[in-house]
């Protein structure tokens, strides 16, 4: 059973049909380079902690939020993260400990919203499972592995663009974040729940 739910979590985050979650992970990483992998690992883990909390609470039906609002708020978190990236001062020159803490807080809080989105999918899979602990743990670990794969692929492209081909780091961040913000705006428009 563990392997089944682990695989489902990994596949769910990597599914191109659910590209909004992929966009969010890339938006989180857009301002970082390969040499900053420790900060990215903490950031992605903060996101995982956030979505794990609400995934568990919603799957256990302790929290119930209208799925229309959740599907609307997910691209709002993507847009907000991308715009924050665009307007933030370059990390290499002036972002200190406080700026990093703000990133982690964003990732944790936005993870709470994304967890509600994951919960609808997981709840439909669980059906009449006797114990929810093992499926929840396995699904979350699968999601985390999927997110780390996305991060590795994105960092490889960043390394190639900035470190090998010599693209300006600021320009790379602006192009990636602007593209993500544009896609998120389209998703927001498509998912307005009112």
N, C-alpha and C. Protein backbone atom coordinates (compact mmCIF):
# COMPACT_ATOMS: atom_id res chain seq x y z
N UNK A 1 0.82 -1.19 0.00
CA UNK A 1 0.00 0.00 0.00
C UNK A 1 0.87 1.26 0.00
N UNK A 2 1.98 1.25 0.74
CA UNK A 2 2.85 2.42 0.81
C UNK A 2 3.34 2.80 -0.59
N UNK A 3 3.82 1.81 -1.34
CA UNK A 3 4.35 2.07 -2.67
C UNK A 3 3.30 2.63 -3.61
N UNK A 4 2.07 2.17 -3.49
CA UNK A 4 1.00 2.65 -4.34
C UNK A 4 0.76 4.14 -4.12
N UNK A 5 0.60 4.55 -2.85
CA UNK A 5 0.31 5.96 -2.56
C UNK A 5 1.53 6.85 -2.78
N UNK A 6 2.73 6.31 -2.56
CA UNK A 6 3.95 7.05 -2.85
C UNK A 6 4.00 7.37 -4.35
N UNK A 7 3.73 6.37 -5.17
CA UNK A 7 3.73 6.56 -6.62
C UNK A 7 2.65 7.53 -7.06
N UNK A 8 1.47 7.45 -6.44
CA UNK A 8 0.38 8.36 -6.78
C UNK A 8 0.75 9.81 -6.44
N UNK A 9 1.40 10.02 -5.30
CA UNK A 9 1.83 11.37 -4.92
C UNK A 9 2.84 11.93 -5.90
N UNK A 10 3.83 11.11 -6.25
CA UNK A 10 4.86 11.53 -7.20
C UNK A 10 4.24 11.85 -8.56
N UNK A 11 3.37 10.95 -9.04
CA UNK A 11 2.74 11.16 -10.34
C UNK A 11 1.82 12.37 -10.33
N UNK A 12 1.16 12.60 -9.21
CA UNK A 12 0.22 13.72 -9.14
C UNK A 12 0.94 15.05 -9.31
N UNK A 13 2.08 15.22 -8.65
CA UNK A 13 2.81 16.49 -8.76
C UNK A 13 3.47 16.63 -10.13
N UNK A 14 3.84 15.52 -10.75
CA UNK A 14 4.52 15.57 -12.05
C UNK A 14 3.56 15.54 -13.23
N UNK A 15 2.28 15.32 -12.96
CA UNK A 15 1.28 15.23 -14.04
C UNK A 15 1.15 16.59 -14.73
N UNK A 16 1.37 16.60 -16.03
CA UNK A 16 1.31 17.85 -16.79
C UNK A 16 -0.08 18.46 -16.76
N UNK A 17 -1.11 17.66 -16.51
CA UNK A 17 -2.47 18.19 -16.37
C UNK A 17 -2.59 19.09 -15.13
N UNK A 18 -1.77 18.82 -14.13
CA UNK A 18 -1.76 19.64 -12.92
C UNK A 18 -0.57 20.58 -12.91
N UNK A 19 -0.31 21.19 -14.06
CA UNK A 19 0.88 22.02 -14.21
C UNK A 19 0.91 23.24 -13.29
N UNK A 20 -0.22 23.58 -12.69
CA UNK A 20 -0.21 24.72 -11.77
C UNK A 20 0.71 24.47 -10.58
N UNK A 21 0.77 23.24 -10.09
CA UNK A 21 1.66 22.94 -8.97
C UNK A 21 3.12 22.98 -9.42
N UNK A 22 3.38 22.53 -10.64
CA UNK A 22 4.73 22.61 -11.19
C UNK A 22 5.15 24.07 -11.32
N UNK A 23 4.26 24.91 -11.83
CA UNK A 23 4.55 26.34 -11.95
C UNK A 23 4.89 26.96 -10.61
N UNK A 24 4.17 26.56 -9.56
CA UNK A 24 4.44 27.14 -8.25
C UNK A 24 5.83 26.75 -7.75
N UNK A 25 6.20 25.49 -7.91
CA UNK A 25 7.52 25.04 -7.47
C UNK A 25 8.61 25.78 -8.24
N UNK A 26 8.41 25.95 -9.55
CA UNK A 26 9.40 26.69 -10.35
C UNK A 26 9.44 28.16 -9.92
N UNK A 27 8.28 28.74 -9.63
CA UNK A 27 8.26 30.13 -9.16
C UNK A 27 9.03 30.27 -7.84
N UNK A 28 8.89 29.30 -6.96
CA UNK A 28 9.65 29.33 -5.70
C UNK A 28 11.15 29.34 -5.95
N UNK A 29 11.58 28.61 -6.98
CA UNK A 29 13.01 28.42 -7.25
C UNK A 29 13.60 29.44 -8.22
N UNK A 30 12.77 30.27 -8.83
CA UNK A 30 13.21 31.13 -9.93
C UNK A 30 14.34 32.09 -9.56
N UNK A 31 14.46 32.46 -8.31
CA UNK A 31 15.49 33.42 -7.92
C UNK A 31 16.77 32.75 -7.43
N UNK A 32 16.79 31.44 -7.43
CA UNK A 32 17.95 30.70 -6.90
C UNK A 32 18.74 30.04 -8.02
N UNK A 33 20.00 29.77 -7.70
CA UNK A 33 20.86 29.03 -8.60
C UNK A 33 21.31 27.74 -7.91
N UNK A 34 21.94 26.88 -8.67
CA UNK A 34 22.35 25.57 -8.17
C UNK A 34 23.18 25.65 -6.89
N UNK A 35 24.06 26.63 -6.81
CA UNK A 35 24.93 26.75 -5.63
C UNK A 35 24.15 27.10 -4.35
N UNK A 36 22.90 27.48 -4.49
CA UNK A 36 22.06 27.82 -3.33
C UNK A 36 21.08 26.69 -3.00
N UNK A 37 21.47 25.47 -3.29
CA UNK A 37 20.59 24.32 -3.16
C UNK A 37 20.07 24.12 -1.74
N UNK A 38 20.85 24.48 -0.72
CA UNK A 38 20.38 24.30 0.66
C UNK A 38 19.18 25.18 0.95
N UNK A 39 19.21 26.42 0.48
CA UNK A 39 18.08 27.33 0.69
C UNK A 39 16.85 26.83 -0.05
N UNK A 40 17.06 26.29 -1.25
CA UNK A 40 15.93 25.76 -2.02
C UNK A 40 15.33 24.55 -1.32
N UNK A 41 16.18 23.70 -0.78
CA UNK A 41 15.69 22.51 -0.08
C UNK A 41 14.82 22.92 1.12
N UNK A 42 15.25 23.92 1.86
CA UNK A 42 14.47 24.41 3.01
C UNK A 42 13.15 25.01 2.51
N UNK A 43 13.21 25.76 1.41
CA UNK A 43 12.03 26.40 0.86
C UNK A 43 10.99 25.37 0.41
N UNK A 44 11.44 24.37 -0.33
CA UNK A 44 10.52 23.33 -0.82
C UNK A 44 9.98 22.51 0.35
N UNK A 45 10.81 22.29 1.37
CA UNK A 45 10.35 21.56 2.55
C UNK A 45 9.30 22.37 3.31
N UNK A 46 9.47 23.70 3.38
CA UNK A 46 8.46 24.56 4.02
C UNK A 46 7.13 24.43 3.27
N UNK A 47 7.19 24.42 1.94
CA UNK A 47 5.99 24.23 1.13
C UNK A 47 5.36 22.87 1.43
N UNK A 48 6.20 21.84 1.53
CA UNK A 48 5.70 20.48 1.82
C UNK A 48 5.04 20.42 3.19
N UNK A 49 5.64 21.06 4.19
CA UNK A 49 5.05 21.07 5.52
C UNK A 49 3.67 21.72 5.46
N UNK A 50 3.57 22.85 4.77
CA UNK A 50 2.28 23.53 4.65
C UNK A 50 1.23 22.67 3.97
N UNK A 51 1.58 22.09 2.82
CA UNK A 51 0.54 21.31 2.14
C UNK A 51 0.28 19.99 2.84
N UNK A 52 1.23 19.48 3.59
CA UNK A 52 0.99 18.24 4.35
C UNK A 52 -0.04 18.45 5.45
N UNK A 53 0.02 19.62 6.09
CA UNK A 53 -0.92 19.93 7.18
C UNK A 53 -2.34 19.97 6.64
N UNK A 54 -2.58 20.77 5.60
CA UNK A 54 -3.96 20.88 5.11
C UNK A 54 -4.39 19.64 4.34
N UNK A 55 -3.44 18.95 3.73
CA UNK A 55 -3.78 17.69 3.06
C UNK A 55 -4.33 16.70 4.08
N UNK A 56 -3.66 16.60 5.21
CA UNK A 56 -4.13 15.68 6.26
C UNK A 56 -5.47 16.16 6.83
N UNK A 57 -5.57 17.44 7.17
CA UNK A 57 -6.80 17.96 7.78
C UNK A 57 -8.01 17.82 6.84
N UNK A 58 -7.79 18.12 5.55
CA UNK A 58 -8.91 18.03 4.60
C UNK A 58 -9.26 16.59 4.26
N UNK A 59 -8.25 15.73 4.17
CA UNK A 59 -8.51 14.32 3.88
C UNK A 59 -9.28 13.67 5.02
N UNK A 60 -8.95 14.08 6.25
CA UNK A 60 -9.67 13.56 7.42
C UNK A 60 -11.02 14.26 7.60
N UNK A 61 -11.31 15.21 6.73
CA UNK A 61 -12.54 16.00 6.73
C UNK A 61 -12.69 16.84 8.00
N UNK A 62 -11.57 17.31 8.53
CA UNK A 62 -11.58 18.25 9.65
C UNK A 62 -11.64 19.69 9.14
N UNK A 63 -11.25 19.87 7.88
CA UNK A 63 -11.31 21.17 7.22
C UNK A 63 -12.00 20.95 5.89
N UNK A 64 -12.93 21.84 5.57
CA UNK A 64 -13.64 21.72 4.30
C UNK A 64 -13.76 23.10 3.68
N UNK A 65 -13.06 23.31 2.59
CA UNK A 65 -13.10 24.58 1.88
C UNK A 65 -13.62 24.30 0.48
N UNK A 66 -14.51 25.15 0.00
CA UNK A 66 -15.08 25.00 -1.33
C UNK A 66 -13.97 24.84 -2.37
N UNK A 67 -14.05 23.77 -3.16
CA UNK A 67 -12.98 23.47 -4.13
C UNK A 67 -12.86 24.55 -5.20
N UNK A 68 -13.94 25.25 -5.50
CA UNK A 68 -13.87 26.35 -6.46
C UNK A 68 -12.94 27.45 -5.99
N UNK A 69 -13.04 27.77 -4.69
CA UNK A 69 -12.15 28.78 -4.12
C UNK A 69 -10.71 28.30 -4.06
N UNK A 70 -10.52 27.04 -3.73
CA UNK A 70 -9.16 26.48 -3.67
C UNK A 70 -8.52 26.54 -5.05
N UNK A 71 -9.26 26.11 -6.07
CA UNK A 71 -8.73 26.11 -7.44
C UNK A 71 -8.44 27.53 -7.93
N UNK A 72 -9.17 28.52 -7.41
CA UNK A 72 -8.90 29.92 -7.73
C UNK A 72 -7.67 30.43 -6.98
N UNK A 73 -7.55 30.07 -5.71
CA UNK A 73 -6.45 30.57 -4.89
C UNK A 73 -5.09 30.00 -5.28
N UNK A 74 -5.07 28.80 -5.84
CA UNK A 74 -3.79 28.21 -6.25
C UNK A 74 -3.07 29.09 -7.28
N UNK A 75 -3.72 29.52 -8.38
CA UNK A 75 -2.99 30.42 -9.28
C UNK A 75 -2.72 31.80 -8.69
N UNK A 76 -3.53 32.21 -7.70
CA UNK A 76 -3.24 33.47 -7.01
C UNK A 76 -1.90 33.35 -6.28
N UNK A 77 -1.65 32.19 -5.65
CA UNK A 77 -0.36 32.00 -4.96
C UNK A 77 0.79 31.97 -5.97
N UNK A 78 0.55 31.39 -7.13
CA UNK A 78 1.59 31.34 -8.17
C UNK A 78 1.90 32.76 -8.65
N UNK A 79 0.85 33.52 -8.94
CA UNK A 79 1.02 34.90 -9.41
C UNK A 79 1.74 35.75 -8.36
N UNK A 80 1.31 35.64 -7.11
CA UNK A 80 1.93 36.41 -6.04
C UNK A 80 3.41 36.09 -5.91
N UNK A 81 3.76 34.82 -5.95
CA UNK A 81 5.16 34.41 -5.84
C UNK A 81 5.97 34.96 -7.01
N UNK A 82 5.44 34.84 -8.23
CA UNK A 82 6.15 35.32 -9.41
C UNK A 82 6.35 36.83 -9.37
N UNK A 83 5.31 37.57 -8.98
CA UNK A 83 5.43 39.03 -8.90
C UNK A 83 6.41 39.43 -7.80
N UNK A 84 6.38 38.73 -6.69
CA UNK A 84 7.36 38.98 -5.62
C UNK A 84 8.78 38.79 -6.16
N UNK A 85 8.99 37.75 -6.96
CA UNK A 85 10.30 37.52 -7.57
C UNK A 85 10.72 38.68 -8.47
N UNK A 86 9.77 39.20 -9.24
CA UNK A 86 10.08 40.27 -10.20
C UNK A 86 10.52 41.54 -9.48
N UNK A 87 9.85 41.86 -8.38
CA UNK A 87 10.11 43.13 -7.72
C UNK A 87 11.10 43.04 -6.56
N UNK A 88 11.54 41.86 -6.26
CA UNK A 88 12.47 41.75 -5.15
C UNK A 88 13.87 42.13 -5.60
N UNK A 89 14.63 42.66 -4.66
CA UNK A 89 16.01 43.05 -4.94
C UNK A 89 16.83 41.79 -5.13
N UNK A 90 17.82 41.85 -6.01
CA UNK A 90 18.65 40.69 -6.31
C UNK A 90 19.26 40.12 -5.04
N UNK A 91 19.08 38.83 -4.82
CA UNK A 91 19.57 38.14 -3.63
C UNK A 91 21.08 38.26 -3.47
N UNK A 92 21.80 38.26 -4.56
CA UNK A 92 23.25 38.23 -4.48
C UNK A 92 23.82 39.50 -3.90
N UNK A 93 23.02 40.60 -3.85
CA UNK A 93 23.56 41.85 -3.35
C UNK A 93 23.00 42.30 -2.01
N UNK A 94 21.69 42.01 -1.74
CA UNK A 94 21.17 42.65 -0.54
C UNK A 94 20.09 41.93 0.25
N UNK A 95 19.70 40.76 -0.09
CA UNK A 95 18.66 40.11 0.70
C UNK A 95 19.32 39.40 1.86
N UNK A 96 18.90 39.76 3.04
CA UNK A 96 19.49 39.16 4.23
C UNK A 96 18.60 38.07 4.80
N UNK A 97 18.84 37.81 6.06
CA UNK A 97 18.13 36.74 6.77
C UNK A 97 16.62 36.98 6.76
N UNK A 98 16.19 38.24 6.92
CA UNK A 98 14.76 38.55 6.96
C UNK A 98 14.08 38.22 5.63
N UNK A 99 14.75 38.54 4.50
CA UNK A 99 14.19 38.22 3.18
C UNK A 99 14.02 36.73 2.99
N UNK A 100 14.98 35.96 3.48
CA UNK A 100 14.88 34.51 3.38
C UNK A 100 13.72 33.99 4.22
N UNK A 101 13.56 34.54 5.43
CA UNK A 101 12.47 34.11 6.29
C UNK A 101 11.12 34.41 5.65
N UNK A 102 11.01 35.54 4.96
CA UNK A 102 9.76 35.88 4.27
C UNK A 102 9.46 34.85 3.19
N UNK A 103 10.48 34.44 2.43
CA UNK A 103 10.29 33.39 1.43
C UNK A 103 9.76 32.11 2.05
N UNK A 104 10.34 31.70 3.16
CA UNK A 104 9.92 30.46 3.83
C UNK A 104 8.48 30.59 4.33
N UNK A 105 8.13 31.77 4.86
CA UNK A 105 6.77 31.99 5.34
C UNK A 105 5.77 31.91 4.18
N UNK A 106 6.13 32.54 3.04
CA UNK A 106 5.28 32.45 1.85
C UNK A 106 5.09 30.99 1.44
N UNK A 107 6.19 30.26 1.37
CA UNK A 107 6.12 28.86 0.93
C UNK A 107 5.25 28.04 1.87
N UNK A 108 5.40 28.24 3.17
CA UNK A 108 4.60 27.50 4.16
C UNK A 108 3.12 27.86 4.02
N UNK A 109 2.82 29.15 3.98
CA UNK A 109 1.43 29.59 3.90
C UNK A 109 0.77 29.15 2.59
N UNK A 110 1.48 29.34 1.48
CA UNK A 110 0.91 28.94 0.20
C UNK A 110 0.81 27.43 0.09
N UNK A 111 1.68 26.71 0.79
CA UNK A 111 1.58 25.26 0.84
C UNK A 111 0.26 24.82 1.47
N UNK A 112 -0.22 25.59 2.46
CA UNK A 112 -1.51 25.28 3.08
C UNK A 112 -2.62 25.28 2.03
N UNK A 113 -2.59 26.26 1.14
CA UNK A 113 -3.61 26.36 0.09
C UNK A 113 -3.48 25.21 -0.91
N UNK A 114 -2.25 24.92 -1.32
CA UNK A 114 -2.04 23.84 -2.29
C UNK A 114 -2.44 22.48 -1.71
N UNK A 115 -2.25 22.30 -0.41
CA UNK A 115 -2.65 21.05 0.23
C UNK A 115 -4.14 20.80 0.11
N UNK A 116 -4.92 21.87 0.17
CA UNK A 116 -6.37 21.73 0.00
C UNK A 116 -6.69 21.23 -1.41
N UNK A 117 -5.91 21.68 -2.39
CA UNK A 117 -6.11 21.20 -3.76
C UNK A 117 -5.75 19.73 -3.91
N UNK A 118 -4.65 19.32 -3.28
CA UNK A 118 -4.25 17.92 -3.33
C UNK A 118 -5.27 17.03 -2.64
N UNK A 119 -5.93 17.57 -1.61
CA UNK A 119 -6.81 16.74 -0.77
C UNK A 119 -8.00 16.19 -1.54
N UNK A 120 -8.54 16.96 -2.47
CA UNK A 120 -9.67 16.48 -3.26
C UNK A 120 -9.29 15.22 -4.03
N UNK A 121 -8.09 15.24 -4.61
CA UNK A 121 -7.60 14.08 -5.36
C UNK A 121 -7.38 12.90 -4.42
N UNK A 122 -6.70 13.14 -3.30
CA UNK A 122 -6.38 12.04 -2.38
C UNK A 122 -7.64 11.46 -1.73
N UNK A 123 -8.57 12.32 -1.35
CA UNK A 123 -9.80 11.85 -0.71
C UNK A 123 -10.56 10.88 -1.62
N UNK A 124 -10.57 11.18 -2.93
CA UNK A 124 -11.26 10.30 -3.86
C UNK A 124 -10.55 8.95 -3.99
N UNK A 125 -9.25 8.92 -3.76
CA UNK A 125 -8.49 7.66 -3.85
C UNK A 125 -8.63 6.79 -2.61
N UNK A 126 -8.77 7.43 -1.46
CA UNK A 126 -8.73 6.68 -0.20
C UNK A 126 -9.94 5.79 0.00
N UNK A 127 -11.08 6.25 -0.48
CA UNK A 127 -12.28 5.43 -0.35
C UNK A 127 -12.50 4.96 1.08
N UNK A 128 -12.46 3.67 1.27
CA UNK A 128 -12.76 3.09 2.58
C UNK A 128 -11.51 2.57 3.30
N UNK A 129 -10.36 3.18 3.07
CA UNK A 129 -9.13 2.74 3.76
C UNK A 129 -9.36 2.76 5.27
N UNK A 130 -8.88 1.74 5.95
CA UNK A 130 -9.01 1.64 7.40
C UNK A 130 -8.15 2.68 8.11
N UNK A 131 -6.89 2.76 7.71
CA UNK A 131 -5.95 3.69 8.33
C UNK A 131 -5.54 4.72 7.29
N UNK A 132 -5.54 5.99 7.69
CA UNK A 132 -5.15 7.04 6.76
C UNK A 132 -3.69 7.45 6.93
N UNK A 133 -3.05 7.08 8.03
CA UNK A 133 -1.69 7.53 8.30
C UNK A 133 -0.72 7.10 7.20
N UNK A 134 -0.69 5.82 6.90
CA UNK A 134 0.27 5.31 5.90
C UNK A 134 0.00 5.89 4.52
N UNK A 135 -1.25 5.92 4.03
CA UNK A 135 -1.48 6.54 2.71
C UNK A 135 -1.10 8.02 2.67
N UNK A 136 -1.43 8.76 3.75
CA UNK A 136 -1.08 10.19 3.79
C UNK A 136 0.43 10.39 3.78
N UNK A 137 1.14 9.62 4.59
CA UNK A 137 2.59 9.73 4.65
C UNK A 137 3.20 9.38 3.29
N UNK A 138 2.78 8.28 2.71
CA UNK A 138 3.31 7.85 1.42
C UNK A 138 3.02 8.87 0.33
N UNK A 139 1.80 9.38 0.30
CA UNK A 139 1.42 10.37 -0.72
C UNK A 139 2.27 11.63 -0.58
N UNK A 140 2.45 12.11 0.66
CA UNK A 140 3.27 13.30 0.90
C UNK A 140 4.72 13.08 0.51
N UNK A 141 5.26 11.93 0.83
CA UNK A 141 6.65 11.64 0.44
C UNK A 141 6.78 11.56 -1.08
N UNK A 142 5.79 11.00 -1.74
CA UNK A 142 5.79 10.98 -3.20
C UNK A 142 5.73 12.38 -3.79
N UNK A 143 4.88 13.24 -3.20
CA UNK A 143 4.81 14.63 -3.63
C UNK A 143 6.17 15.31 -3.46
N UNK A 144 6.80 15.08 -2.32
CA UNK A 144 8.10 15.71 -2.04
C UNK A 144 9.14 15.26 -3.07
N UNK A 145 9.18 13.97 -3.38
CA UNK A 145 10.11 13.49 -4.38
C UNK A 145 9.83 14.14 -5.74
N UNK A 146 8.57 14.22 -6.10
CA UNK A 146 8.20 14.87 -7.36
C UNK A 146 8.64 16.32 -7.40
N UNK A 147 8.43 17.04 -6.29
CA UNK A 147 8.86 18.44 -6.22
C UNK A 147 10.37 18.54 -6.36
N UNK A 148 11.10 17.66 -5.70
CA UNK A 148 12.56 17.69 -5.80
C UNK A 148 13.03 17.41 -7.22
N UNK A 149 12.33 16.54 -7.94
CA UNK A 149 12.66 16.29 -9.34
C UNK A 149 12.45 17.55 -10.18
N UNK A 150 11.36 18.27 -9.93
CA UNK A 150 11.09 19.53 -10.62
C UNK A 150 12.21 20.53 -10.32
N UNK A 151 12.60 20.62 -9.05
CA UNK A 151 13.66 21.54 -8.65
C UNK A 151 14.97 21.20 -9.35
N UNK A 152 15.33 19.92 -9.38
CA UNK A 152 16.58 19.50 -10.02
C UNK A 152 16.58 19.85 -11.51
N UNK A 153 15.47 19.59 -12.18
CA UNK A 153 15.38 19.91 -13.62
C UNK A 153 15.49 21.41 -13.83
N UNK A 154 14.77 22.19 -13.02
CA UNK A 154 14.83 23.64 -13.17
C UNK A 154 16.23 24.16 -12.88
N UNK A 155 16.87 23.67 -11.82
CA UNK A 155 18.22 24.13 -11.49
C UNK A 155 19.23 23.75 -12.57
N UNK A 156 19.01 22.62 -13.23
CA UNK A 156 19.89 22.23 -14.34
C UNK A 156 19.76 23.25 -15.49
N UNK A 157 18.52 23.64 -15.80
CA UNK A 157 18.32 24.66 -16.83
C UNK A 157 18.92 26.00 -16.42
N UNK A 158 18.74 26.37 -15.14
CA UNK A 158 19.32 27.61 -14.63
C UNK A 158 20.84 27.59 -14.73
N UNK A 159 21.43 26.47 -14.34
CA UNK A 159 22.88 26.33 -14.42
C UNK A 159 23.35 26.49 -15.86
N UNK A 160 22.66 25.84 -16.76
CA UNK A 160 23.01 25.92 -18.18
C UNK A 160 22.88 27.36 -18.69
N UNK A 161 21.76 28.00 -18.37
CA UNK A 161 21.51 29.36 -18.87
C UNK A 161 22.45 30.39 -18.27
N UNK A 162 22.61 30.37 -16.95
CA UNK A 162 23.37 31.42 -16.26
C UNK A 162 24.86 31.10 -16.18
N UNK A 163 25.20 29.90 -15.70
CA UNK A 163 26.60 29.58 -15.46
C UNK A 163 27.36 29.12 -16.71
N UNK A 164 26.68 28.45 -17.62
CA UNK A 164 27.36 27.95 -18.82
C UNK A 164 27.23 28.93 -19.99
N UNK A 165 26.01 29.36 -20.28
CA UNK A 165 25.79 30.23 -21.43
C UNK A 165 25.95 31.71 -21.11
N UNK A 166 26.05 32.05 -19.83
CA UNK A 166 26.34 33.42 -19.43
C UNK A 166 25.17 34.38 -19.40
N UNK A 167 23.95 33.86 -19.33
CA UNK A 167 22.78 34.75 -19.21
C UNK A 167 22.88 35.52 -17.90
N UNK A 168 22.40 36.73 -17.92
CA UNK A 168 22.38 37.57 -16.73
C UNK A 168 21.40 36.96 -15.72
N UNK A 169 21.82 36.80 -14.50
CA UNK A 169 20.98 36.18 -13.47
C UNK A 169 19.68 36.94 -13.29
N UNK A 170 19.75 38.25 -13.24
CA UNK A 170 18.56 39.08 -13.05
C UNK A 170 17.60 38.89 -14.23
N UNK A 171 18.14 38.89 -15.45
CA UNK A 171 17.29 38.70 -16.63
C UNK A 171 16.63 37.32 -16.63
N UNK A 172 17.38 36.30 -16.24
CA UNK A 172 16.84 34.94 -16.16
C UNK A 172 15.66 34.90 -15.19
N UNK A 173 15.85 35.50 -14.01
CA UNK A 173 14.79 35.55 -13.00
C UNK A 173 13.57 36.29 -13.53
N UNK A 174 13.80 37.41 -14.22
CA UNK A 174 12.69 38.21 -14.74
C UNK A 174 11.92 37.47 -15.83
N UNK A 175 12.62 36.81 -16.73
CA UNK A 175 11.95 36.08 -17.82
C UNK A 175 11.11 34.94 -17.25
N UNK A 176 11.71 34.13 -16.39
CA UNK A 176 10.99 32.98 -15.81
C UNK A 176 9.80 33.46 -15.00
N UNK A 177 10.02 34.43 -14.12
CA UNK A 177 8.95 34.91 -13.24
C UNK A 177 7.84 35.60 -14.02
N UNK A 178 8.20 36.37 -15.04
CA UNK A 178 7.18 37.04 -15.86
C UNK A 178 6.33 36.04 -16.62
N UNK A 179 6.97 35.02 -17.18
CA UNK A 179 6.22 33.98 -17.91
C UNK A 179 5.25 33.27 -16.96
N UNK A 180 5.72 32.94 -15.78
CA UNK A 180 4.87 32.26 -14.80
C UNK A 180 3.72 33.16 -14.37
N UNK A 181 4.02 34.45 -14.13
CA UNK A 181 2.96 35.39 -13.75
C UNK A 181 1.89 35.49 -14.83
N UNK A 182 2.31 35.52 -16.10
CA UNK A 182 1.36 35.59 -17.21
C UNK A 182 0.46 34.37 -17.27
N UNK A 183 1.05 33.20 -17.12
CA UNK A 183 0.26 31.96 -17.13
C UNK A 183 -0.70 31.93 -15.95
N UNK A 184 -0.20 32.38 -14.79
CA UNK A 184 -1.05 32.40 -13.58
C UNK A 184 -2.24 33.34 -13.75
N UNK A 185 -2.02 34.48 -14.41
CA UNK A 185 -3.13 35.41 -14.65
C UNK A 185 -4.23 34.76 -15.50
N UNK A 186 -3.83 34.00 -16.50
CA UNK A 186 -4.82 33.30 -17.33
C UNK A 186 -5.59 32.29 -16.47
N UNK A 187 -4.86 31.55 -15.62
CA UNK A 187 -5.52 30.58 -14.74
C UNK A 187 -6.48 31.26 -13.77
N UNK A 188 -6.07 32.41 -13.24
CA UNK A 188 -6.93 33.15 -12.31
C UNK A 188 -8.23 33.53 -13.02
N UNK A 189 -8.10 34.05 -14.23
CA UNK A 189 -9.29 34.47 -15.00
C UNK A 189 -10.21 33.26 -15.26
N UNK A 190 -9.62 32.11 -15.58
CA UNK A 190 -10.42 30.92 -15.89
C UNK A 190 -11.11 30.34 -14.66
N UNK A 191 -10.57 30.62 -13.48
CA UNK A 191 -11.07 29.94 -12.27
C UNK A 191 -11.81 30.86 -11.30
N UNK A 192 -12.16 32.05 -11.73
CA UNK A 192 -12.89 32.96 -10.83
C UNK A 192 -14.17 32.27 -10.36
N UNK A 193 -14.34 32.11 -9.04
CA UNK A 193 -15.48 31.32 -8.54
C UNK A 193 -16.77 32.12 -8.35
N UNK A 194 -16.80 33.36 -8.76
CA UNK A 194 -18.00 34.16 -8.55
C UNK A 194 -18.43 34.83 -9.83
